[in-house]
Protein backbone atom coordinates (compact mmCIF):
# COMPACT_ATOMS: atom_id res chain seq x y z
CA MET A 1 101.37 89.69 109.51
CA LYS A 2 102.58 86.92 106.57
CA SER A 3 103.44 88.48 103.53
CA PRO A 4 101.38 86.45 100.85
CA ALA A 5 103.15 84.14 98.64
CA LEU A 6 103.64 84.60 94.96
CA SER A 7 101.55 82.80 92.75
CA LEU A 8 103.21 80.58 89.66
CA LEU A 9 102.97 83.19 87.24
CA PRO A 10 105.45 85.45 89.01
CA LYS A 11 107.69 82.53 90.33
CA ILE A 12 107.89 81.32 86.33
CA LEU A 13 109.36 84.35 85.27
CA ILE A 14 111.70 85.13 87.99
CA ALA A 15 113.10 82.06 87.02
CA ILE A 16 113.00 82.62 83.43
CA THR A 17 115.12 86.09 84.38
CA LEU A 18 117.51 84.92 87.04
CA GLY A 19 118.33 81.66 84.35
CA LEU A 20 119.18 83.86 81.69
CA VAL A 21 120.98 86.48 83.98
CA CYS A 22 123.22 83.65 85.92
CA SER A 23 124.08 82.22 82.54
CA LEU A 24 126.29 84.86 82.11
CA PHE A 25 128.52 84.00 84.84
CA PHE A 26 127.66 80.42 86.52
CA PRO A 27 130.97 78.17 86.31
CA SER A 28 129.77 74.61 84.10
CA TRP A 29 130.20 72.91 87.32
CA ALA A 30 127.45 74.65 89.03
CA ILE A 31 125.81 74.67 85.05
CA ARG A 32 125.72 70.70 85.49
CA ILE A 33 124.51 70.75 88.85
CA PHE A 34 120.93 72.17 87.50
CA ALA A 35 121.94 69.73 84.51
CA THR A 36 121.43 66.79 86.84
CA PHE A 37 118.28 68.06 88.56
CA ASN A 38 116.99 68.57 85.53
CA SER A 39 117.50 65.10 84.21
CA LEU A 40 115.68 63.73 87.34
CA PHE A 41 112.90 65.99 86.99
CA GLY A 42 112.75 65.19 82.87
CA ASN A 43 112.72 61.62 84.06
CA PHE A 44 110.38 61.60 86.48
CA LEU A 45 108.26 63.96 84.51
CA GLY A 46 108.10 61.43 82.53
CA MET A 47 106.76 58.53 84.06
CA PHE A 48 104.02 60.69 85.92
CA VAL A 49 102.34 61.94 82.72
CA PRO A 50 100.64 58.53 82.04
CA VAL A 51 99.55 58.38 85.26
CA LEU A 52 98.35 62.46 85.19
CA ILE A 53 96.30 61.27 81.70
CA ILE A 54 94.71 58.29 83.34
CA GLY A 55 93.88 60.29 86.81
CA LEU A 56 93.23 63.70 85.27
CA ILE A 57 90.97 62.64 81.60
CA SER A 58 88.86 59.28 82.69
CA SER A 59 87.71 61.66 85.52
CA GLY A 60 86.77 64.88 83.48
CA ILE A 61 85.01 62.50 81.04
CA ALA A 62 82.79 60.85 83.34
CA ASP A 63 81.82 63.96 84.53
CA LEU A 64 80.84 65.16 81.23
CA GLY A 65 78.53 62.43 80.81
CA LYS A 66 76.25 63.35 83.89
CA GLY A 67 73.82 66.18 82.29
CA ALA A 68 70.47 67.24 80.59
CA GLY A 69 70.63 64.94 77.14
CA ARG A 70 70.30 67.13 74.25
CA MET A 71 71.23 70.14 75.38
CA LEU A 72 74.46 68.60 77.00
CA LEU A 73 75.47 67.05 73.73
CA LEU A 74 74.88 70.29 71.61
CA THR A 75 76.84 72.13 74.11
CA ALA A 76 79.20 69.70 74.36
CA VAL A 77 79.58 69.59 70.61
CA LEU A 78 79.67 73.14 70.37
CA ALA A 79 82.78 73.64 72.59
CA TYR A 80 84.79 71.42 71.03
CA VAL A 81 84.07 72.72 67.24
CA SER A 82 84.71 75.92 69.17
CA THR A 83 88.07 74.54 70.64
CA VAL A 84 88.96 72.81 67.61
CA LEU A 85 88.49 75.76 64.38
CA ALA A 86 91.00 77.75 67.18
CA GLY A 87 93.61 75.60 67.43
CA MET A 88 92.89 75.09 63.50
CA PHE A 89 93.47 79.03 62.95
CA SER A 90 96.52 78.89 65.24
CA PHE A 91 98.41 76.32 63.13
CA ASP A 92 97.56 77.91 59.95
CA VAL A 93 98.40 81.64 61.17
CA CYS A 94 101.97 80.33 62.77
CA ARG A 95 102.49 78.23 59.06
CA THR A 96 101.82 81.27 57.34
CA SER A 97 103.37 84.26 59.76
CA LEU A 98 106.29 82.30 61.77
CA PRO A 99 109.04 82.60 58.28
CA HIS A 100 108.05 86.00 58.37
CA ILE A 101 108.63 86.85 61.44
CA LEU A 102 111.30 84.79 62.65
CA GLY A 103 113.16 84.12 59.38
CA LYS A 104 113.34 80.84 57.71
CA ASP A 105 117.00 80.49 59.32
CA THR A 106 115.81 81.10 62.60
CA GLN A 107 117.25 78.62 65.04
CA ILE A 108 116.88 79.43 68.66
CA PHE A 109 116.02 76.61 71.20
CA GLY A 110 118.91 74.18 71.23
CA SER A 111 121.25 76.54 69.15
CA GLY A 112 124.73 76.26 70.02
CA ALA A 113 124.68 72.80 71.60
CA GLU A 114 127.02 71.48 69.58
CA GLU A 115 129.84 73.47 70.70
CA ILE A 116 129.15 73.47 74.17
CA SER A 117 127.13 70.59 76.00
CA PHE A 118 126.25 70.16 79.74
CA THR A 119 126.01 66.84 80.38
CA PRO A 120 124.45 65.76 84.05
CA PHE A 121 126.92 64.42 86.88
CA PHE A 122 124.52 61.18 86.68
CA VAL A 123 121.78 59.75 85.03
CA ILE A 124 118.64 57.78 87.19
CA GLU A 125 116.14 56.35 84.64
CA ILE A 126 112.87 55.67 85.55
CA PRO A 127 110.84 53.91 83.31
CA LYS A 128 107.24 54.30 82.55
CA PHE A 129 104.52 51.50 83.56
CA ILE A 130 102.87 52.21 80.33
CA ASP A 131 103.06 54.92 77.53
CA VAL A 132 101.18 57.86 76.89
CA THR A 133 99.09 56.73 73.41
CA SER A 134 97.75 53.44 75.71
CA ALA A 135 97.07 56.06 78.69
CA LEU A 136 95.26 58.20 75.94
CA VAL A 137 92.81 55.46 74.98
CA LEU A 138 92.52 53.67 78.45
CA SER A 139 91.62 57.44 79.79
CA PHE A 140 88.67 57.68 77.17
CA LEU A 141 87.96 53.90 77.36
CA LEU A 142 87.44 53.97 81.15
CA GLY A 143 85.64 57.50 81.00
CA LEU A 144 83.35 56.88 78.66
CA SER A 145 82.02 53.63 80.02
CA MET A 146 81.81 55.10 83.49
CA THR A 147 79.48 57.45 82.00
CA PHE A 148 76.93 54.23 80.78
CA ILE A 149 77.45 51.54 83.59
CA LYS A 150 75.14 52.43 87.20
CA GLY A 151 77.83 51.30 89.93
CA THR A 152 79.93 53.89 91.77
CA SER A 153 83.08 51.94 92.64
CA MET A 154 85.05 52.64 89.46
CA LYS A 155 83.79 56.44 89.72
CA GLY A 156 84.65 56.89 92.92
CA LEU A 157 88.50 55.34 92.05
CA ALA A 158 88.92 57.46 89.46
CA ASP A 159 88.00 60.51 91.83
CA ASP A 160 90.58 59.06 94.35
CA LEU A 161 92.94 58.73 91.38
CA LYS A 162 92.36 62.49 89.92
CA ASP A 163 92.77 64.10 93.49
CA ILE A 164 96.02 62.00 94.14
CA VAL A 165 97.24 63.77 90.64
CA THR A 166 96.12 66.77 91.54
CA LEU A 167 97.56 66.22 95.53
CA VAL A 168 101.53 65.11 92.93
CA ILE A 169 101.03 68.48 91.07
CA ASN A 170 100.27 71.04 93.45
CA LYS A 171 102.79 69.69 96.16
CA VAL A 172 105.73 68.62 93.98
CA LEU A 173 105.34 69.53 90.29
CA ILE A 174 104.25 73.03 91.23
CA PRO A 175 106.45 73.79 93.31
CA THR A 176 109.40 71.95 91.46
CA LEU A 177 108.66 73.67 88.26
CA PRO A 178 110.64 77.02 88.94
CA ILE A 179 113.58 75.06 89.67
CA TYR A 180 113.56 73.01 86.39
CA ILE A 181 112.44 76.13 84.20
CA PHE A 182 115.65 77.95 85.75
CA GLY A 183 117.96 75.20 84.88
CA ILE A 184 116.54 75.06 81.31
CA PHE A 185 117.04 78.40 80.67
CA LEU A 186 120.20 78.49 82.16
CA ILE A 187 121.91 75.89 80.01
CA MET A 188 119.95 77.56 76.69
CA GLY A 189 121.33 81.08 78.13
CA ALA A 190 124.98 79.63 78.42
CA GLN A 191 124.68 78.35 75.49
CA GLY A 192 124.72 81.41 73.49
CA SER A 193 121.06 82.19 72.67
CA MET A 194 119.93 84.45 75.24
CA ALA A 195 118.94 87.65 73.22
CA ALA A 196 117.01 85.56 70.77
CA GLN A 197 115.13 83.85 73.37
CA ILE A 198 113.93 87.05 74.66
CA SER A 199 112.82 88.45 71.25
CA LEU A 200 111.34 85.00 70.58
CA PHE A 201 109.06 85.01 73.73
CA LEU A 202 107.95 88.81 73.08
CA LYS A 203 106.72 87.60 69.45
CA ILE A 204 105.11 84.97 70.34
CA ILE A 205 103.16 86.74 73.33
CA VAL A 206 102.25 90.04 70.78
CA LEU A 207 100.73 87.33 68.05
CA ILE A 208 99.16 85.31 70.40
CA PHE A 209 97.58 87.63 71.82
CA ALA A 210 96.51 89.20 68.43
CA MET A 211 94.49 85.73 67.79
CA HIS A 212 92.95 85.88 70.82
CA ILE A 213 91.01 89.07 70.05
CA THR A 214 90.34 87.60 66.16
CA VAL A 215 89.06 83.95 67.80
CA LEU A 216 86.79 86.17 70.44
CA ILE A 217 85.73 88.75 67.33
CA LEU A 218 84.46 86.08 64.78
CA GLN A 219 83.15 83.67 67.94
CA PHE A 220 80.52 86.73 68.75
CA CYS A 221 79.86 87.47 64.94
CA ILE A 222 78.70 83.63 64.44
CA ALA A 223 76.66 84.25 67.78
CA GLY A 224 75.02 87.55 67.14
CA ILE A 225 74.12 85.81 63.83
CA VAL A 226 72.27 82.77 65.22
CA ALA A 227 71.13 84.66 68.05
CA LYS A 228 70.25 88.19 65.61
CA LYS A 229 71.99 90.50 68.18
CA ASN A 230 74.90 92.97 67.67
CA PRO A 231 77.97 91.27 67.96
CA PHE A 232 80.06 93.84 69.20
CA LYS A 233 77.91 94.86 72.12
CA ALA A 234 77.37 91.77 73.45
CA LEU A 235 81.33 90.98 73.22
CA ILE A 236 81.58 94.19 75.10
CA LYS A 237 79.17 93.18 77.53
CA MET A 238 81.81 90.22 78.24
CA LEU A 239 84.29 92.17 79.15
CA PRO A 240 83.81 92.08 83.05
CA ALA A 241 84.30 88.54 82.85
CA TYR A 242 87.56 89.04 80.41
CA ALA A 243 88.98 90.95 83.20
CA THR A 244 87.60 88.93 86.16
CA ALA A 245 89.67 85.84 84.51
CA LEU A 246 92.57 88.16 83.60
CA GLY A 247 92.68 88.15 87.40
CA THR A 248 92.17 85.05 88.69
CA SER A 249 93.76 82.91 86.01
CA SER A 250 90.37 80.70 86.63
CA SER A 251 87.47 79.99 84.78
CA ALA A 252 86.10 78.60 87.72
CA ALA A 253 86.61 81.67 89.88
CA THR A 254 84.96 83.53 87.17
CA ILE A 255 82.37 81.69 87.13
CA PRO A 256 79.64 84.39 88.74
CA VAL A 257 80.64 86.84 86.23
CA THR A 258 80.61 84.85 83.76
CA LEU A 259 76.72 84.33 84.43
CA GLU A 260 76.03 87.66 84.96
CA GLN A 261 77.46 89.46 81.89
CA THR A 262 75.84 86.22 80.00
CA LYS A 263 72.30 87.02 81.43
CA LYS A 264 72.77 90.84 80.53
CA ASN A 265 72.77 89.93 77.03
CA GLY A 266 69.84 88.38 77.04
CA VAL A 267 70.63 84.88 77.57
CA ARG A 268 67.71 82.68 79.76
CA GLU A 269 68.46 82.14 83.37
CA GLU A 270 68.23 78.80 83.11
CA ILE A 271 70.18 78.36 79.81
CA ALA A 272 72.71 80.25 81.09
CA ASN A 273 73.31 78.58 84.65
CA PHE A 274 73.23 75.30 82.90
CA THR A 275 75.90 76.40 79.59
CA VAL A 276 78.05 78.55 81.81
CA PRO A 277 79.45 76.08 83.99
CA LEU A 278 79.65 73.61 81.51
CA CYS A 279 81.59 75.53 79.02
CA ALA A 280 83.81 76.63 82.08
CA THR A 281 84.91 72.95 81.89
CA ILE A 282 85.13 71.72 78.32
CA HIS A 283 84.80 75.01 76.28
CA MET A 284 88.89 75.63 75.96
CA PRO A 285 89.47 77.18 72.23
CA CYS A 286 91.56 80.00 73.76
CA SER A 287 94.46 77.59 75.45
CA LEU A 288 94.59 75.13 73.16
CA LEU A 289 95.00 77.85 70.51
CA LYS A 290 98.34 79.13 72.98
CA ILE A 291 99.22 75.62 73.35
CA THR A 292 99.14 75.28 69.35
CA ALA A 293 100.88 78.21 68.95
CA CYS A 294 103.80 77.30 71.41
CA ALA A 295 104.36 73.77 70.24
CA TYR A 296 104.52 75.20 66.72
CA VAL A 297 107.21 77.95 67.51
CA LEU A 298 108.94 75.55 69.34
CA MET A 299 109.33 72.89 66.85
CA TYR A 300 109.80 75.94 63.97
CA SER A 301 113.08 77.13 65.92
CA MET A 302 114.30 73.80 66.99
CA HIS A 303 113.91 72.98 63.19
CA ILE A 304 111.94 69.56 64.00
CA PRO A 305 110.16 68.67 60.47
CA ILE A 306 106.03 69.88 61.33
CA ASP A 307 103.71 67.70 59.51
CA THR A 308 100.56 69.10 58.74
CA GLY A 309 98.63 65.80 59.42
CA THR A 310 100.12 65.05 62.57
CA PHE A 311 99.42 68.26 63.96
CA ILE A 312 95.91 68.18 62.76
CA GLN A 313 95.15 64.72 64.79
CA PHE A 314 96.93 66.72 67.72
CA ILE A 315 94.80 69.63 67.72
CA PHE A 316 91.60 66.94 67.69
CA ILE A 317 92.93 64.64 70.58
CA GLY A 318 93.71 67.86 72.78
CA ALA A 319 90.60 69.60 72.41
CA ILE A 320 89.11 66.10 73.75
CA THR A 321 92.23 66.44 76.41
CA MET A 322 91.02 69.92 77.70
CA VAL A 323 88.40 68.70 79.74
CA ALA A 324 91.39 67.33 82.19
CA ALA A 325 92.14 71.00 82.67
CA PRO A 326 90.27 72.90 85.16
CA GLY A 327 91.10 72.93 88.97
CA VAL A 328 94.38 72.22 88.16
CA PRO A 329 96.64 75.06 88.14
CA GLY A 330 98.35 75.54 84.40
CA GLY A 331 95.56 72.51 83.94
CA SER A 332 95.47 73.03 80.41
CA ILE A 333 99.04 72.56 79.34
CA MET A 334 99.13 69.86 82.14
CA ALA A 335 96.48 67.42 80.60
CA ALA A 336 98.49 68.95 76.70
CA LEU A 337 101.57 66.93 77.74
CA GLY A 338 100.10 63.57 76.64
CA PRO A 339 99.49 64.23 73.20
CA LEU A 340 102.70 66.75 73.03
CA ALA A 341 104.36 63.69 74.10
CA SER A 342 102.50 60.64 71.97
CA ILE A 343 102.03 62.77 68.69
CA LEU A 344 104.30 65.66 68.36
CA GLY A 345 106.87 63.92 70.30
CA PHE A 346 108.44 66.30 72.41
CA THR A 347 110.68 65.42 75.37
CA ALA A 348 110.72 66.14 78.95
CA GLU A 349 112.68 69.16 78.40
CA MET A 350 110.66 70.62 75.59
CA GLN A 351 107.42 70.00 77.56
CA ALA A 352 108.68 72.30 80.17
CA THR A 353 109.55 74.73 77.96
CA MET A 354 106.21 74.37 76.35
CA ILE A 355 104.96 74.89 80.48
CA ALA A 356 106.74 77.97 80.70
CA LEU A 357 105.80 79.59 77.60
CA TYR A 358 102.06 79.05 78.83
CA ILE A 359 102.17 79.79 82.09
CA VAL A 360 103.63 83.11 81.26
CA MET A 361 99.97 83.69 79.35
CA ASP A 362 97.82 81.82 81.66
CA SER A 363 95.74 84.85 82.42
CA PHE A 364 94.98 85.77 78.57
CA GLY A 365 93.68 82.26 77.67
CA THR A 366 91.66 81.74 80.27
CA ALA A 367 89.98 85.23 79.46
CA GLY A 368 89.84 84.42 76.47
CA ASN A 369 87.87 81.25 77.14
CA VAL A 370 85.16 82.76 79.38
CA THR A 371 84.77 85.32 77.32
CA GLY A 372 83.61 83.48 74.53
CA ASP A 373 81.43 81.21 76.78
CA GLY A 374 79.19 84.11 76.77
CA ALA A 375 79.13 83.20 72.65
CA ILE A 376 78.21 79.24 72.75
CA ALA A 377 75.13 80.58 75.34
CA MET A 378 73.88 83.06 72.82
CA ILE A 379 73.56 80.45 70.48
CA ILE A 380 72.14 77.72 72.91
CA ASP A 381 69.71 79.83 73.83
CA ARG A 382 68.30 80.78 70.41
CA VAL A 383 68.38 76.97 69.80
CA TYR A 384 65.94 76.30 72.40
CA LYS A 385 63.91 79.21 72.17
CA LYS A 386 63.05 78.29 68.27
CA ASN A 387 62.77 74.89 69.27
CA ASN A 388 59.61 76.04 71.58
CA SER A 389 58.03 78.86 69.32
CA GLU A 390 57.76 75.95 67.01
CA ASN A 391 56.52 73.21 69.80
């Protein structure tokens, strides 16, 4: 019998651990081999990100345009506002708490780079055919246009490009990513910041988990007020969906459980059947919360200036790009690579570090997202129940 293949999460954890351990005894020439590989992979990633953006986001927005009129619009607006507010909450918590948690003079990522440098043996440049900002604008333009035109040729082309991008992610990026992350942490460990990196990871995980719980409580308190139901009882009823998402790391795979628990909260079947699958695609508050926190921590630890206006811009754009997340392993962080690069100026190495930080906590973000879908459904159900009674 074949032994089951490891999922991405344990591969990432193994890569991080091995990278830090091997940094203690690997010779310089061996480290430079992985630095060369990382240079090649990073240049490929930089070229592919605009293609990924166009392939995923244009098709995702076009799919979003097919639905049930006002209910679709209201659900989409609530999901977007919820996602943006979660990102803003994350940014504010990081801004106020990180100086106390990490210290004002902390420099973890990149520390020691001046004393020890591991340069690649050679570099092959892979230029982009379009920059990230242009790819984002083009994706929005194509996606929105396809929701209005009657033809199907352009939508079919967008779906084919999405399939190609998904294939490259599944067959090239995902299998290669652990090697790339191994190289990153091998180099960082050799530069002398291993203990600080481990400490930082643990602090980030605790902080983000606490923010997840807070966001869920706030979501259900608001939903409880609107729907006139006990928010804590409603939240407790959604825990089976939370537990299922922890195990599957997939919003789509958790939909049947989310539907069942949402109906147990008194949401009518027709409302639940519409809002839950839709929110599984567009409602990503805990994912954006996590990405915002990881991005802030990474910039803070590298002493990169953090501008509030720029981060708010990233949050608003990031909430839109989340529609590209479902169906792709680590989809939320993959979709966020564009705004990370174009708005926050993240390099390929910083993007890979973000992927590593995100994947380690991926199931918690998914669990938070699907649990919050129940709160959105409660609000939609109450609004349409009130409208029907008035009519």
